[in-house]
């Protein structure tokens, strides 16, 4: 199922994003759980998209040669 690097990076990134988001919400003790949730989710998804997109782009460049 996860044969390509792009799919592996996407799956790993999404799992890490979910774990970090859950931990951030649990640790938030000042009543700002929704803000922590949004911020962690946004940052996690941006990093995941950047790494996955970069991997995809590198694969495209290498296969074009």
C-alpha atoms as a PDB file:
ATOM      1  CA  UNK A   1       0.000   0.000   0.000  1.00  0.00           C
ATOM      2  CA  UNK A   2       2.708   2.505   0.991  1.00  0.00           C
ATOM      3  CA  UNK A   3       5.177   1.734  -1.763  1.00  0.00           C
ATOM      4  CA  UNK A   4       6.299   5.216  -2.728  1.00  0.00           C
ATOM      5  CA  UNK A   5       8.237   7.652  -0.573  1.00  0.00           C
ATOM      6  CA  UNK A   6       5.549  10.276  -1.066  1.00  0.00           C
ATOM      7  CA  UNK A   7       2.871   8.058   0.466  1.00  0.00           C
ATOM      8  CA  UNK A   8       5.162   7.028   3.313  1.00  0.00           C
ATOM      9  CA  UNK A   9       6.035  10.653   4.096  1.00  0.00           C
ATOM     10  CA  UNK A  10       2.372  11.619   3.964  1.00  0.00           C
ATOM     11  CA  UNK A  11       1.331   8.794   6.286  1.00  0.00           C
ATOM     12  CA  UNK A  12       4.146   9.442   8.762  1.00  0.00           C
ATOM     13  CA  UNK A  13       3.494  13.185   8.707  1.00  0.00           C
ATOM     14  CA  UNK A  14      -0.218  12.761   9.353  1.00  0.00           C
ATOM     15  CA  UNK A  15       0.415  10.403  12.265  1.00  0.00           C
ATOM     16  CA  UNK A  16       2.939  12.805  13.792  1.00  0.00           C
ATOM     17  CA  UNK A  17       0.521  15.711  13.271  1.00  0.00           C
ATOM     18  CA  UNK A  18      -2.289  13.874  15.052  1.00  0.00           C
ATOM     19  CA  UNK A  19      -0.059  12.883  17.968  1.00  0.00           C
ATOM     20  CA  UNK A  20       1.431  16.367  18.441  1.00  0.00           C
ATOM     21  CA  UNK A  21      -1.994  18.002  18.137  1.00  0.00           C
ATOM     22  CA  UNK A  22      -3.472  15.656  20.714  1.00  0.00           C
ATOM     23  CA  UNK A  23      -0.574  16.248  23.107  1.00  0.00           C
ATOM     24  CA  UNK A  24      -0.815  20.025  22.670  1.00  0.00           C
ATOM     25  CA  UNK A  25      -4.512  20.004  23.491  1.00  0.00           C
ATOM     26  CA  UNK A  26      -4.002  17.786  26.533  1.00  0.00           C
ATOM     27  CA  UNK A  27      -1.130  19.907  27.845  1.00  0.00           C
ATOM     28  CA  UNK A  28      -2.925  23.242  27.297  1.00  0.00           C
ATOM     29  CA  UNK A  29      -4.065  24.154  30.773  1.00  0.00           C
ATOM     30  CA  UNK A  30      -4.927  27.818  30.405  1.00  0.00           C
ATOM     31  CA  UNK A  31      -8.278  27.268  28.688  1.00  0.00           C
ATOM     32  CA  UNK A  32      -6.995  27.883  25.181  1.00  0.00           C
ATOM     33  CA  UNK A  33      -7.458  24.316  23.979  1.00  0.00           C
ATOM     34  CA  UNK A  34      -9.133  25.323  20.702  1.00  0.00           C
ATOM     35  CA  UNK A  35      -6.351  27.792  19.870  1.00  0.00           C
ATOM     36  CA  UNK A  36      -3.709  25.156  20.619  1.00  0.00           C
ATOM     37  CA  UNK A  37      -5.614  22.653  18.496  1.00  0.00           C
ATOM     38  CA  UNK A  38      -5.803  24.995  15.507  1.00  0.00           C
ATOM     39  CA  UNK A  39      -2.196  26.120  15.783  1.00  0.00           C
ATOM     40  CA  UNK A  40      -0.766  22.596  16.155  1.00  0.00           C
ATOM     41  CA  UNK A  41      -2.940  21.250  13.373  1.00  0.00           C
ATOM     42  CA  UNK A  42      -2.019  24.095  11.034  1.00  0.00           C
ATOM     43  CA  UNK A  43       1.704  23.807  11.667  1.00  0.00           C
ATOM     44  CA  UNK A  44       1.640  20.015  11.417  1.00  0.00           C
ATOM     45  CA  UNK A  45      -0.266  20.034   8.145  1.00  0.00           C
ATOM     46  CA  UNK A  46       2.002  22.709   6.673  1.00  0.00           C
ATOM     47  CA  UNK A  47       5.131  20.737   7.543  1.00  0.00           C
ATOM     48  CA  UNK A  48       3.581  17.517   6.235  1.00  0.00           C
ATOM     49  CA  UNK A  49       2.540  19.206   2.988  1.00  0.00           C
ATOM     50  CA  UNK A  50       5.988  20.751   2.531  1.00  0.00           C
ATOM     51  CA  UNK A  51       7.863  17.492   3.076  1.00  0.00           C
ATOM     52  CA  UNK A  52       5.435  15.479   0.950  1.00  0.00           C
ATOM     53  CA  UNK A  53       5.441  18.073  -1.821  1.00  0.00           C
ATOM     54  CA  UNK A  54       9.223  18.270  -1.776  1.00  0.00           C
ATOM     55  CA  UNK A  55       9.530  14.501  -2.009  1.00  0.00           C
ATOM     56  CA  UNK A  56       7.019  14.395  -4.848  1.00  0.00           C
ATOM     57  CA  UNK A  57       8.875  17.145  -6.705  1.00  0.00           C
ATOM     58  CA  UNK A  58      12.241  15.380  -6.296  1.00  0.00           C
ATOM     59  CA  UNK A  59      10.759  12.136  -7.609  1.00  0.00           C
ATOM     60  CA  UNK A  60       9.342  13.951 -10.631  1.00  0.00           C
ATOM     61  CA  UNK A  61      12.682  15.611 -11.362  1.00  0.00           C
ATOM     62  CA  UNK A  62      14.606  12.345 -11.012  1.00  0.00           C
ATOM     63  CA  UNK A  63      12.163  10.396 -13.186  1.00  0.00           C
ATOM     64  CA  UNK A  64      12.325  13.075 -15.895  1.00  0.00           C
ATOM     65  CA  UNK A  65      16.052  12.482 -16.366  1.00  0.00           C
END
